[in-house]
Amino acid sequence: KPIVAPPRDTVADTLPAAGDSAPPK
């Protein structure tokens, strides 16, 4: 049962709320 990236419009529901979608400094 591998992990598969969800569609982009559901990404916010799969990760901690803050900071994940921003590009790293």
PDB file of all heavy atoms in Angstrom:
ATOM      1  N   LYS A   1       0.851  -1.196   0.000  1.00  0.00           N
ATOM      2  CA  LYS A   1       0.000   0.000   0.000  1.00  0.00           C
ATOM      3  C   LYS A   1       0.882   1.240   0.000  1.00  0.00           C
ATOM      4  O   LYS A   1       1.100   1.870   1.038  1.00  0.00           O
ATOM      5  CB  LYS A   1      -0.933  -0.009   1.207  1.00  0.00           C
ATOM      6  CG  LYS A   1      -1.893  -1.193   1.249  1.00  0.00           C
ATOM      7  CD  LYS A   1      -2.733  -1.198   2.513  1.00  0.00           C
ATOM      8  CE  LYS A   1      -3.629  -2.422   2.571  1.00  0.00           C
ATOM      9  NZ  LYS A   1      -4.409  -2.484   3.835  1.00  0.00           N
ATOM     10  N   PRO A   2       1.428   1.601  -1.145  1.00  0.00           N
ATOM     11  CA  PRO A   2       2.306   2.777  -1.204  1.00  0.00           C
ATOM     12  C   PRO A   2       1.527   4.076  -1.026  1.00  0.00           C
ATOM     13  O   PRO A   2       0.296   4.113  -1.147  1.00  0.00           O
ATOM     14  CB  PRO A   2       2.912   2.684  -2.607  1.00  0.00           C
ATOM     15  CG  PRO A   2       1.886   1.943  -3.400  1.00  0.00           C
ATOM     16  CD  PRO A   2       1.270   0.952  -2.448  1.00  0.00           C
ATOM     17  N   ILE A   3       2.268   5.122  -0.735  1.00  0.00           N
ATOM     18  CA  ILE A   3       1.699   6.466  -0.619  1.00  0.00           C
ATOM     19  C   ILE A   3       1.729   7.109  -2.009  1.00  0.00           C
ATOM     20  O   ILE A   3       2.746   7.087  -2.697  1.00  0.00           O
ATOM     21  CB  ILE A   3       2.506   7.313   0.365  1.00  0.00           C
ATOM     22  CG1 ILE A   3       2.607   6.600   1.722  1.00  0.00           C
ATOM     23  CG2 ILE A   3       1.901   8.707   0.514  1.00  0.00           C
ATOM     24  CD1 ILE A   3       1.294   6.388   2.423  1.00  0.00           C
ATOM     25  N   VAL A   4       0.615   7.680  -2.399  1.00  0.00           N
ATOM     26  CA  VAL A   4       0.510   8.316  -3.708  1.00  0.00           C
ATOM     27  C   VAL A   4       0.070   9.755  -3.507  1.00  0.00           C
ATOM     28  O   VAL A   4      -0.819  10.043  -2.705  1.00  0.00           O
ATOM     29  CB  VAL A   4      -0.502   7.569  -4.608  1.00  0.00           C
ATOM     30  CG1 VAL A   4      -0.604   8.235  -5.972  1.00  0.00           C
ATOM     31  CG2 VAL A   4      -0.107   6.108  -4.755  1.00  0.00           C
ATOM     32  N   ALA A   5       0.693  10.664  -4.212  1.00  0.00           N
ATOM     33  CA  ALA A   5       0.326  12.074  -4.107  1.00  0.00           C
ATOM     34  C   ALA A   5      -1.109  12.274  -4.557  1.00  0.00           C
ATOM     35  O   ALA A   5      -1.488  11.808  -5.630  1.00  0.00           O
ATOM     36  CB  ALA A   5       1.268  12.931  -4.947  1.00  0.00           C
ATOM     37  N   PRO A   6      -1.919  12.978  -3.761  1.00  0.00           N
ATOM     38  CA  PRO A   6      -3.309  13.233  -4.154  1.00  0.00           C
ATOM     39  C   PRO A   6      -3.390  14.340  -5.192  1.00  0.00           C
ATOM     40  O   PRO A   6      -2.396  15.029  -5.453  1.00  0.00           O
ATOM     41  CB  PRO A   6      -3.946  13.679  -2.834  1.00  0.00           C
ATOM     42  CG  PRO A   6      -2.830  14.347  -2.107  1.00  0.00           C
ATOM     43  CD  PRO A   6      -1.579  13.582  -2.471  1.00  0.00           C
ATOM     44  N   PRO A   7      -4.552  14.512  -5.803  1.00  0.00           N
ATOM     45  CA  PRO A   7      -4.724  15.658  -6.705  1.00  0.00           C
ATOM     46  C   PRO A   7      -4.387  16.949  -5.987  1.00  0.00           C
ATOM     47  O   PRO A   7      -4.554  17.069  -4.779  1.00  0.00           O
ATOM     48  CB  PRO A   7      -6.216  15.587  -7.088  1.00  0.00           C
ATOM     49  CG  PRO A   7      -6.582  14.149  -6.872  1.00  0.00           C
ATOM     50  CD  PRO A   7      -5.765  13.694  -5.706  1.00  0.00           C
ATOM     51  N   ARG A   8      -3.911  17.905  -6.732  1.00  0.00           N
ATOM     52  CA  ARG A   8      -3.424  19.141  -6.112  1.00  0.00           C
ATOM     53  C   ARG A   8      -4.470  19.846  -5.275  1.00  0.00           C
ATOM     54  O   ARG A   8      -4.149  20.487  -4.283  1.00  0.00           O
ATOM     55  CB  ARG A   8      -2.918  20.106  -7.192  1.00  0.00           C
ATOM     56  CG  ARG A   8      -1.780  19.584  -8.012  1.00  0.00           C
ATOM     57  CD  ARG A   8      -0.577  19.211  -7.158  1.00  0.00           C
ATOM     58  NE  ARG A   8      -0.022  20.324  -6.420  1.00  0.00           N
ATOM     59  CZ  ARG A   8       1.013  20.232  -5.595  1.00  0.00           C
ATOM     60  NH1 ARG A   8       1.590  19.064  -5.403  1.00  0.00           N
ATOM     61  NH2 ARG A   8       1.466  21.286  -4.949  1.00  0.00           N
ATOM     62  N   ASP A   9      -5.760  19.753  -5.616  1.00  0.00           N
ATOM     63  CA  ASP A   9      -6.774  20.474  -4.850  1.00  0.00           C
ATOM     64  C   ASP A   9      -7.068  19.815  -3.514  1.00  0.00           C
ATOM     65  O   ASP A   9      -7.807  20.361  -2.698  1.00  0.00           O
ATOM     66  CB  ASP A   9      -8.073  20.625  -5.654  1.00  0.00           C
ATOM     67  CG  ASP A   9      -8.650  19.289  -6.095  1.00  0.00           C
ATOM     68  OD1 ASP A   9      -7.995  18.264  -5.846  1.00  0.00           O
ATOM     69  OD2 ASP A   9      -9.744  19.292  -6.681  1.00  0.00           O
ATOM     70  N   THR A  10      -6.494  18.645  -3.238  1.00  0.00           N
ATOM     71  CA  THR A  10      -6.719  18.004  -1.944  1.00  0.00           C
ATOM     72  C   THR A  10      -5.463  17.970  -1.086  1.00  0.00           C
ATOM     73  O   THR A  10      -5.468  17.443   0.004  1.00  0.00           O
ATOM     74  CB  THR A  10      -7.211  16.556  -2.126  1.00  0.00           C
ATOM     75  OG1 THR A  10      -6.162  15.784  -2.733  1.00  0.00           O
ATOM     76  CG2 THR A  10      -8.456  16.497  -2.972  1.00  0.00           C
ATOM     77  N   VAL A  11      -4.388  18.574  -1.567  1.00  0.00           N
ATOM     78  CA  VAL A  11      -3.129  18.549  -0.825  1.00  0.00           C
ATOM     79  C   VAL A  11      -3.269  19.173   0.546  1.00  0.00           C
ATOM     80  O   VAL A  11      -2.733  18.688   1.539  1.00  0.00           O
ATOM     81  CB  VAL A  11      -2.032  19.264  -1.630  1.00  0.00           C
ATOM     82  CG1 VAL A  11      -0.809  19.517  -0.756  1.00  0.00           C
ATOM     83  CG2 VAL A  11      -1.643  18.440  -2.834  1.00  0.00           C
ATOM     84  N   ALA A  12      -4.020  20.246   0.643  1.00  0.00           N
ATOM     85  CA  ALA A  12      -4.148  20.939   1.922  1.00  0.00           C
ATOM     86  C   ALA A  12      -4.753  20.050   2.990  1.00  0.00           C
ATOM     87  O   ALA A  12      -4.568  20.287   4.185  1.00  0.00           O
ATOM     88  CB  ALA A  12      -5.000  22.200   1.747  1.00  0.00           C
ATOM     89  N   ASP A  13      -5.515  19.029   2.596  1.00  0.00           N
ATOM     90  CA  ASP A  13      -6.153  18.155   3.584  1.00  0.00           C
ATOM     91  C   ASP A  13      -5.240  17.022   4.034  1.00  0.00           C
ATOM     92  O   ASP A  13      -5.595  16.268   4.922  1.00  0.00           O
ATOM     93  CB  ASP A  13      -7.429  17.540   2.977  1.00  0.00           C
ATOM     94  CG  ASP A  13      -8.449  18.603   2.604  1.00  0.00           C
ATOM     95  OD1 ASP A  13      -8.500  19.629   3.296  1.00  0.00           O
ATOM     96  OD2 ASP A  13      -9.164  18.390   1.615  1.00  0.00           O
ATOM     97  N   THR A  14      -4.061  16.896   3.460  1.00  0.00           N
ATOM     98  CA  THR A  14      -3.208  15.749   3.765  1.00  0.00           C
ATOM     99  C   THR A  14      -1.996  16.092   4.598  1.00  0.00           C
ATOM    100  O   THR A  14      -1.301  15.208   5.063  1.00  0.00           O
ATOM    101  CB  THR A  14      -2.721  15.104   2.461  1.00  0.00           C
ATOM    102  OG1 THR A  14      -1.854  16.019   1.783  1.00  0.00           O
ATOM    103  CG2 THR A  14      -3.879  14.715   1.564  1.00  0.00           C
ATOM    104  N   LEU A  15      -1.721  17.372   4.811  1.00  0.00           N
ATOM    105  CA  LEU A  15      -0.508  17.778   5.502  1.00  0.00           C
ATOM    106  C   LEU A  15      -0.825  18.729   6.656  1.00  0.00           C
ATOM    107  O   LEU A  15      -1.922  19.264   6.748  1.00  0.00           O
ATOM    108  CB  LEU A  15       0.429  18.489   4.521  1.00  0.00           C
ATOM    109  CG  LEU A  15       1.001  17.629   3.403  1.00  0.00           C
ATOM    110  CD1 LEU A  15       1.709  18.518   2.393  1.00  0.00           C
ATOM    111  CD2 LEU A  15       1.965  16.606   3.968  1.00  0.00           C
ATOM    112  N   PRO A  16       0.123  18.969   7.571  1.00  0.00           N
ATOM    113  CA  PRO A  16      -0.068  19.989   8.585  1.00  0.00           C
ATOM    114  C   PRO A  16      -0.441  21.316   7.944  1.00  0.00           C
ATOM    115  O   PRO A  16      -0.069  21.606   6.804  1.00  0.00           O
ATOM    116  CB  PRO A  16       1.304  20.055   9.269  1.00  0.00           C
ATOM    117  CG  PRO A  16       1.871  18.687   9.063  1.00  0.00           C
ATOM    118  CD  PRO A  16       1.384  18.261   7.702  1.00  0.00           C
ATOM    119  N   ALA A  17      -1.150  22.141   8.686  1.00  0.00           N
ATOM    120  CA  ALA A  17      -1.805  23.306   8.117  1.00  0.00           C
ATOM    121  C   ALA A  17      -0.855  24.343   7.534  1.00  0.00           C
ATOM    122  O   ALA A  17      -1.102  24.885   6.468  1.00  0.00           O
ATOM    123  CB  ALA A  17      -2.691  23.957   9.176  1.00  0.00           C
ATOM    124  N   ALA A  18       0.244  24.647   8.240  1.00  0.00           N
ATOM    125  CA  ALA A  18       1.025  25.812   7.845  1.00  0.00           C
ATOM    126  C   ALA A  18       2.346  25.429   7.209  1.00  0.00           C
ATOM    127  O   ALA A  18       2.983  24.461   7.592  1.00  0.00           O
ATOM    128  CB  ALA A  18       1.279  26.698   9.058  1.00  0.00           C
ATOM    129  N   GLY A  19       2.754  26.203   6.233  1.00  0.00           N
ATOM    130  CA  GLY A  19       4.117  26.166   5.743  1.00  0.00           C
ATOM    131  C   GLY A  19       4.456  25.123   4.711  1.00  0.00           C
ATOM    132  O   GLY A  19       5.540  25.174   4.141  1.00  0.00           O
ATOM    133  N   ASP A  20       3.596  24.174   4.434  1.00  0.00           N
ATOM    134  CA  ASP A  20       4.007  23.059   3.597  1.00  0.00           C
ATOM    135  C   ASP A  20       4.060  23.371   2.124  1.00  0.00           C
ATOM    136  O   ASP A  20       4.881  22.821   1.413  1.00  0.00           O
ATOM    137  CB  ASP A  20       3.074  21.868   3.828  1.00  0.00           C
ATOM    138  CG  ASP A  20       3.286  21.277   5.195  1.00  0.00           C
ATOM    139  OD1 ASP A  20       4.204  20.476   5.343  1.00  0.00           O
ATOM    140  OD2 ASP A  20       2.549  21.669   6.102  1.00  0.00           O
ATOM    141  N   SER A  21       3.158  24.227   1.656  1.00  0.00           N
ATOM    142  CA  SER A  21       3.113  24.480   0.227  1.00  0.00           C
ATOM    143  C   SER A  21       4.094  25.563  -0.206  1.00  0.00           C
ATOM    144  O   SER A  21       4.338  25.748  -1.384  1.00  0.00           O
ATOM    145  CB  SER A  21       1.686  24.867  -0.192  1.00  0.00           C
ATOM    146  OG  SER A  21       1.283  26.024   0.504  1.00  0.00           O
ATOM    147  N   ALA A  22       4.667  26.300   0.768  1.00  0.00           N
ATOM    148  CA  ALA A  22       5.596  27.364   0.420  1.00  0.00           C
ATOM    149  C   ALA A  22       6.952  26.778   0.051  1.00  0.00           C
ATOM    150  O   ALA A  22       7.401  25.819   0.671  1.00  0.00           O
ATOM    151  CB  ALA A  22       5.748  28.322   1.599  1.00  0.00           C
ATOM    152  N   PRO A  23       7.617  27.328  -0.947  1.00  0.00           N
ATOM    153  CA  PRO A  23       8.949  26.807  -1.302  1.00  0.00           C
ATOM    154  C   PRO A  23       9.935  27.053  -0.176  1.00  0.00           C
ATOM    155  O   PRO A  23       9.865  28.065   0.512  1.00  0.00           O
ATOM    156  CB  PRO A  23       9.310  27.611  -2.559  1.00  0.00           C
ATOM    157  CG  PRO A  23       8.492  28.854  -2.461  1.00  0.00           C
ATOM    158  CD  PRO A  23       7.215  28.455  -1.793  1.00  0.00           C
ATOM    159  N   PRO A  24      10.846  26.135   0.065  1.00  0.00           N
ATOM    160  CA  PRO A  24      11.802  26.313   1.142  1.00  0.00           C
ATOM    161  C   PRO A  24      12.745  27.475   0.866  1.00  0.00           C
ATOM    162  O   PRO A  24      13.116  27.741  -0.279  1.00  0.00           O
ATOM    163  CB  PRO A  24      12.559  24.990   1.154  1.00  0.00           C
ATOM    164  CG  PRO A  24      12.410  24.462  -0.226  1.00  0.00           C
ATOM    165  CD  PRO A  24      11.048  24.897  -0.676  1.00  0.00           C
ATOM    166  N   LYS A  25      13.120  28.184   1.927  1.00  0.00           N
ATOM    167  CA  LYS A  25      14.106  29.243   1.789  1.00  0.00           C
ATOM    168  C   LYS A  25      15.481  28.614   1.569  1.00  0.00           C
ATOM    169  O   LYS A  25      15.799  27.591   2.147  1.00  0.00           O
ATOM    170  CB  LYS A  25      14.121  30.113   3.045  1.00  0.00           C
ATOM    171  CG  LYS A  25      12.822  30.878   3.281  1.00  0.00           C
ATOM    172  CD  LYS A  25      12.928  31.740   4.520  1.00  0.00           C
ATOM    173  CE  LYS A  25      11.634  32.522   4.751  1.00  0.00           C
ATOM    174  NZ  LYS A  25      11.724  33.365   5.965  1.00  0.00           N
TER     175      LYS A  25
END
